[in-house]
N, C-alpha and C. Protein backbone atom coordinates (compact mmCIF):
# COMPACT_ATOMS: atom_id res chain seq x y z
N UNK A 1 -113.10 168.50 140.95
CA UNK A 1 -114.39 168.26 141.27
C UNK A 1 -115.30 169.60 142.64
N UNK A 2 -114.38 170.41 143.47
CA UNK A 2 -114.55 171.55 144.36
C UNK A 2 -114.61 172.71 142.95
N UNK A 3 -113.80 172.98 142.50
CA UNK A 3 -113.63 173.88 141.70
C UNK A 3 -115.42 174.17 140.61
N UNK A 4 -115.87 172.65 140.79
CA UNK A 4 -117.37 172.49 139.63
C UNK A 4 -118.18 173.08 140.92
N UNK A 5 -117.77 171.90 141.97
CA UNK A 5 -119.26 172.79 143.42
C UNK A 5 -119.38 173.85 143.86
N UNK A 6 -118.20 174.60 143.89
CA UNK A 6 -117.89 176.08 144.50
C UNK A 6 -119.12 176.72 144.24
N UNK A 7 -118.74 177.36 142.89
CA UNK A 7 -119.73 178.23 142.21
C UNK A 7 -121.23 177.85 142.60
N UNK A 8 -121.28 176.73 141.99
CA UNK A 8 -122.62 176.37 142.90
C UNK A 8 -123.45 176.49 144.50
N UNK A 9 -122.58 176.31 144.76
CA UNK A 9 -122.81 176.75 146.11
C UNK A 9 -123.22 178.22 146.44
N UNK A 10 -122.24 179.04 146.15
CA UNK A 10 -122.04 180.11 146.20
C UNK A 10 -123.35 180.49 145.67
N UNK A 11 -123.44 180.38 144.47
CA UNK A 11 -125.14 180.56 143.10
C UNK A 11 -126.22 180.79 144.73
N UNK A 12 -126.31 179.35 145.28
CA UNK A 12 -127.53 179.00 145.66
C UNK A 12 -127.48 179.55 147.24
N UNK A 13 -126.29 179.82 147.47
CA UNK A 13 -126.19 180.65 148.91
C UNK A 13 -127.00 181.71 148.70
N UNK A 14 -126.29 182.96 147.66
CA UNK A 14 -127.02 183.96 146.90
C UNK A 14 -128.49 184.10 147.10
N UNK A 15 -129.00 182.66 145.97
CA UNK A 15 -129.79 182.63 145.88
C UNK A 15 -131.23 182.72 147.45
N UNK A 16 -130.48 181.82 148.28
CA UNK A 16 -131.61 182.07 149.57
C UNK A 16 -131.69 183.10 150.12
N UNK A 17 -129.93 183.85 150.27
CA UNK A 17 -130.25 184.77 150.87
C UNK A 17 -131.19 186.19 150.27
N UNK A 18 -131.12 186.30 149.12
CA UNK A 18 -132.32 187.22 148.06
C UNK A 18 -133.44 186.67 148.47
N UNK A 19 -134.00 185.42 148.79
CA UNK A 19 -135.12 185.07 148.75
C UNK A 19 -135.45 185.50 150.20
N UNK A 20 -134.61 185.31 151.00
CA UNK A 20 -134.85 185.80 152.46
C UNK A 20 -135.31 187.20 152.61
N UNK A 21 -134.20 188.02 152.37
CA UNK A 21 -134.71 189.43 152.09
C UNK A 21 -135.92 189.50 151.19
N UNK A 22 -136.09 188.79 150.33
CA UNK A 22 -137.60 189.53 149.50
C UNK A 22 -138.72 189.16 150.57
N UNK A 23 -138.87 187.91 151.39
CA UNK A 23 -139.83 187.62 152.16
C UNK A 23 -139.50 188.19 153.36
N UNK A 24 -138.90 189.04 153.88
CA UNK A 24 -139.07 189.94 155.13
C UNK A 24 -139.62 191.47 154.62
N UNK A 25 -138.59 191.63 153.52
CA UNK A 25 -139.38 192.88 152.83
C UNK A 25 -140.92 192.63 152.89
N UNK A 26 -141.47 191.72 152.32
CA UNK A 26 -143.11 191.61 151.99
C UNK A 26 -143.61 191.61 153.03
N UNK A 27 -142.77 191.03 154.32
CA UNK A 27 -144.10 190.99 155.45
C UNK A 27 -143.32 192.29 156.46
N UNK A 28 -142.83 192.87 156.09
CA UNK A 28 -141.78 194.02 157.29
C UNK A 28 -142.75 195.75 156.24
N UNK A 29 -142.60 196.02 155.49
CA UNK A 29 -142.92 196.96 154.38
C UNK A 29 -144.25 196.77 154.56
N UNK A 30 -145.14 196.34 154.95
CA UNK A 30 -146.55 196.75 154.80
C UNK A 30 -146.95 197.06 156.81
N UNK A 31 -146.13 197.05 157.11
CA UNK A 31 -146.49 197.11 159.06
C UNK A 31 -145.89 198.18 158.89
N UNK A 32 -144.74 198.49 158.62
CA UNK A 32 -143.95 199.45 158.45
C UNK A 32 -145.03 201.31 158.27
N UNK A 33 -145.07 200.27 157.03
CA UNK A 33 -146.75 201.10 156.28
C UNK A 33 -147.55 202.13 157.28
N UNK A 34 -148.26 201.21 157.55
CA UNK A 34 -149.08 201.28 158.27
C UNK A 34 -149.36 201.88 159.91
N UNK A 35 -147.47 201.37 160.63
CA UNK A 35 -147.01 202.80 161.06
C UNK A 35 -147.31 204.43 161.34
N UNK A 36 -146.11 204.43 160.06
CA UNK A 36 -145.46 205.42 159.17
C UNK A 36 -146.70 206.09 159.14
N UNK A 37 -148.10 205.68 158.49
CA UNK A 37 -149.44 206.64 158.53
C UNK A 37 -150.15 206.85 159.94
N UNK A 38 -149.68 205.87 160.85
CA UNK A 38 -150.49 206.43 162.02
C UNK A 38 -149.50 207.81 163.02
N UNK A 39 -148.44 207.44 162.55
CA UNK A 39 -147.73 208.66 163.38
C UNK A 39 -147.86 210.01 162.43
N UNK A 40 -148.18 209.53 161.28
CA UNK A 40 -148.83 211.35 160.47
C UNK A 40 -150.15 211.64 160.79
N UNK A 41 -150.76 210.40 160.83
CA UNK A 41 -151.91 211.23 161.85
C UNK A 41 -152.31 211.67 162.85
N UNK A 42 -151.28 211.49 163.86
CA UNK A 42 -150.45 211.72 164.88
C UNK A 42 -150.15 213.27 165.08
N UNK A 43 -149.40 213.51 164.57
CA UNK A 43 -148.79 214.82 164.37
C UNK A 43 -149.88 215.16 163.68
N UNK A 44 -150.95 215.29 162.83
CA UNK A 44 -151.66 216.25 162.63
C UNK A 44 -153.05 216.76 163.55
N UNK A 45 -153.14 215.59 163.74
CA UNK A 45 -153.89 215.88 165.27
C UNK A 45 -153.55 216.41 166.09
N UNK A 46 -152.51 216.44 166.80
CA UNK A 46 -151.52 216.70 167.91
C UNK A 46 -151.19 218.75 166.98
N UNK A 47 -151.06 218.70 165.85
CA UNK A 47 -151.36 220.01 165.46
C UNK A 47 -152.16 220.76 166.00
N UNK A 48 -153.78 220.21 165.38
CA UNK A 48 -154.90 220.53 165.41
C UNK A 48 -155.47 221.12 166.80
N UNK A 49 -154.74 219.87 167.81
CA UNK A 49 -155.20 219.87 168.81
C UNK A 49 -154.13 221.51 169.82
N UNK A 50 -153.23 221.60 169.27
CA UNK A 50 -152.60 222.68 169.49
C UNK A 50 -153.02 223.91 169.30
N UNK A 51 -153.50 223.78 167.89
CA UNK A 51 -153.99 225.16 167.07
C UNK A 51 -155.22 225.85 168.39
N UNK A 52 -156.08 224.60 168.57
CA UNK A 52 -157.63 224.72 169.42
C UNK A 52 -157.72 225.12 170.81
N UNK A 53 -156.08 224.92 171.37
CA UNK A 53 -156.08 225.43 172.79
C UNK A 53 -155.47 227.28 172.82
N UNK A 54 -154.65 227.42 171.29
CA UNK A 54 -154.18 228.58 171.35
C UNK A 54 -155.54 229.40 171.00
N UNK A 55 -156.11 228.73 170.40
CA UNK A 55 -157.83 229.98 169.53
C UNK A 55 -158.36 230.03 171.08
N UNK A 56 -158.29 228.85 171.51
CA UNK A 56 -159.22 229.02 173.43
C UNK A 56 -158.69 230.06 173.91
N UNK A 57 -157.10 230.18 174.08
CA UNK A 57 -156.69 230.66 175.05
C UNK A 57 -156.62 232.23 174.42
N UNK A 58 -156.63 232.12 173.32
CA UNK A 58 -157.30 234.09 173.12
C UNK A 58 -158.42 234.43 172.81
N UNK A 59 -159.58 233.24 173.09
CA UNK A 59 -160.89 233.53 172.60
C UNK A 59 -161.71 233.48 171.85
N UNK A 60 -161.07 233.04 170.83
CA UNK A 60 -161.48 232.45 169.55
C UNK A 60 -162.42 231.75 169.31
N UNK A 61 -162.26 230.98 170.05
CA UNK A 61 -163.48 230.05 170.11
C UNK A 61 -163.56 229.31 171.66
N UNK A 62 -165.25 228.93 171.75
CA UNK A 62 -165.10 229.00 173.47
C UNK A 62 -164.26 227.61 173.95
N UNK A 63 -163.42 227.44 175.42
CA UNK A 63 -163.28 226.19 175.59
C UNK A 63 -163.79 225.03 175.57
N UNK A 64 -164.73 225.16 176.07
CA UNK A 64 -165.32 223.86 175.97
C UNK A 64 -165.77 223.36 174.22
N UNK A 65 -165.68 223.97 173.56
CA UNK A 65 -165.63 223.45 171.95
C UNK A 65 -164.70 222.70 171.78
N UNK A 66 -163.64 223.16 172.28
CA UNK A 66 -161.95 222.65 171.57
C UNK A 66 -162.04 221.65 170.96
N UNK A 67 -162.25 220.54 171.69
CA UNK A 67 -162.60 218.78 170.69
C UNK A 67 -163.61 218.89 169.52
N UNK A 68 -164.38 219.64 170.14
CA UNK A 68 -165.50 219.65 168.71
C UNK A 68 -164.93 220.08 167.49
N UNK A 69 -163.94 221.03 167.98
CA UNK A 69 -163.69 221.98 166.95
C UNK A 69 -162.57 221.38 165.72
N UNK A 70 -161.93 220.60 167.07
CA UNK A 70 -160.27 219.76 166.28
C UNK A 70 -160.85 218.56 165.24
N UNK A 71 -162.75 217.90 166.09
CA UNK A 71 -162.96 217.07 164.84
C UNK A 71 -164.01 217.72 163.63
N UNK A 72 -164.37 219.11 163.92
CA UNK A 72 -164.71 219.54 162.80
C UNK A 72 -163.64 219.58 161.28
N UNK A 73 -162.18 220.22 162.17
CA UNK A 73 -161.14 220.34 161.22
C UNK A 73 -160.92 219.11 160.16
N UNK A 74 -160.76 218.16 160.97
CA UNK A 74 -160.36 216.77 160.71
C UNK A 74 -161.05 216.15 159.65
N UNK A 75 -162.47 216.56 159.83
CA UNK A 75 -163.51 216.00 158.82
C UNK A 75 -163.43 217.48 157.66
N UNK A 76 -162.83 218.54 158.05
CA UNK A 76 -163.07 218.60 156.58
C UNK A 76 -161.87 218.48 155.74
N UNK A 77 -160.75 218.06 156.70
CA UNK A 77 -159.90 217.56 155.00
C UNK A 77 -159.62 216.42 155.11
N UNK A 78 -160.82 215.68 155.37
CA UNK A 78 -161.05 214.22 155.26
C UNK A 78 -160.85 212.77 155.77
N UNK A 79 -160.69 213.23 157.39
CA UNK A 79 -160.31 212.18 158.52
C UNK A 79 -162.02 211.94 158.66
N UNK A 80 -161.66 210.84 158.84
CA UNK A 80 -163.78 210.66 159.00
C UNK A 80 -163.38 210.76 160.89
N UNK A 81 -164.23 211.43 161.82
CA UNK A 81 -164.15 210.57 163.19
C UNK A 81 -164.94 209.07 163.39
N UNK A 82 -163.74 208.87 164.52
CA UNK A 82 -164.05 207.48 164.99
C UNK A 82 -163.07 207.39 166.37
N UNK A 83 -162.97 205.93 166.66
CA UNK A 83 -162.64 205.65 168.25
C UNK A 83 -161.28 206.04 168.05
N UNK A 84 -160.90 205.95 166.80
CA UNK A 84 -158.91 206.48 166.97
C UNK A 84 -158.95 207.35 166.52
N UNK A 85 -159.68 208.42 166.31
CA UNK A 85 -159.46 209.90 166.41
C UNK A 85 -159.83 210.41 168.22
N UNK A 86 -160.79 209.76 168.29
CA UNK A 86 -160.65 210.31 169.75
C UNK A 86 -159.94 210.08 170.50
N UNK A 87 -159.38 208.85 170.39
CA UNK A 87 -157.88 208.49 171.79
C UNK A 87 -156.80 209.42 170.82
N UNK A 88 -156.87 209.75 169.57
CA UNK A 88 -155.27 210.05 169.35
C UNK A 88 -155.51 212.17 170.01
N UNK A 89 -156.88 212.21 170.19
CA UNK A 89 -157.14 213.74 170.22
C UNK A 89 -156.48 213.37 171.76
N UNK A 90 -157.36 212.66 172.47
CA UNK A 90 -156.66 212.54 173.94
C UNK A 90 -155.52 212.42 174.20
N UNK A 91 -154.37 211.62 173.41
CA UNK A 91 -153.88 211.61 173.91
C UNK A 91 -152.48 212.91 173.45
N UNK A 92 -152.69 213.89 172.47
CA UNK A 92 -151.90 214.71 172.34
C UNK A 92 -152.55 215.79 173.24
N UNK A 93 -153.92 215.85 174.15
CA UNK A 93 -154.30 217.07 175.23
C UNK A 93 -153.55 216.61 175.89
N UNK A 94 -153.32 215.25 176.28
CA UNK A 94 -152.38 215.15 177.88
C UNK A 94 -151.24 214.90 177.25
N UNK A 95 -150.26 215.11 176.19
CA UNK A 95 -149.55 215.42 175.74
C UNK A 95 -148.82 216.85 175.92
N UNK A 96 -150.10 217.48 175.90
CA UNK A 96 -149.83 219.12 176.23
C UNK A 96 -149.75 219.40 176.91
N UNK A 97 -151.24 218.87 177.80
CA UNK A 97 -150.66 219.50 179.16
C UNK A 97 -149.74 218.80 180.44
N UNK A 98 -148.92 217.59 179.88
CA UNK A 98 -147.80 217.50 180.40
C UNK A 98 -146.47 218.60 179.77
N UNK A 99 -146.59 218.96 179.15
CA UNK A 99 -145.81 219.90 178.38
C UNK A 99 -146.00 221.07 179.03
N UNK A 100 -147.24 221.51 179.75
CA UNK A 100 -147.12 222.77 180.60
C UNK A 100 -146.79 222.82 182.01
N UNK A 101 -146.97 221.39 181.85
CA UNK A 101 -147.08 220.74 183.42
C UNK A 101 -145.26 221.16 183.82
N UNK A 102 -144.42 220.41 182.77
CA UNK A 102 -142.87 220.50 183.20
C UNK A 102 -142.85 222.22 183.11
N UNK A 103 -143.53 222.89 181.79
CA UNK A 103 -143.03 224.78 181.97
C UNK A 103 -143.14 225.11 183.49
N UNK A 104 -144.05 224.96 183.86
CA UNK A 104 -144.77 225.78 184.60
C UNK A 104 -144.00 225.09 185.80
N UNK A 105 -143.20 223.72 185.77
CA UNK A 105 -142.28 223.59 187.18
C UNK A 105 -141.31 223.99 186.93
N UNK A 106 -140.23 224.23 185.52
CA UNK A 106 -139.76 224.82 185.92
C UNK A 106 -139.45 226.52 186.16
N UNK A 107 -140.47 227.02 186.43
CA UNK A 107 -140.77 228.40 186.27
C UNK A 107 -140.91 228.87 187.66
N UNK A 108 -141.10 227.28 188.50
CA UNK A 108 -141.34 227.59 190.00
C UNK A 108 -140.27 226.94 190.59
N UNK A 109 -139.47 226.39 189.92
CA UNK A 109 -137.90 226.33 190.32
C UNK A 109 -136.89 227.86 190.75
């Protein structure tokens, strides 16, 4: 009797595990995809913020228009201006300021 039930139980266990895995993949992959897109977008914004800072330092663009320059460049590559983009720009500027502060502190020691 056990010889008959053992393969059935093993196959049912495999099916349950496969079903749970498929369900988790269906639930997790869309969330990860959104997160990866946000990370990629932040990297693009950070790149342009760094470029704007460098251009303002070398007087290629006025310092007052750095944020608008970043928004214009993002619009040219198809990224629409909205409150999320504003937040990403502000975050990238803050990160850049923090990095400059750490470098300045290292030289002052």
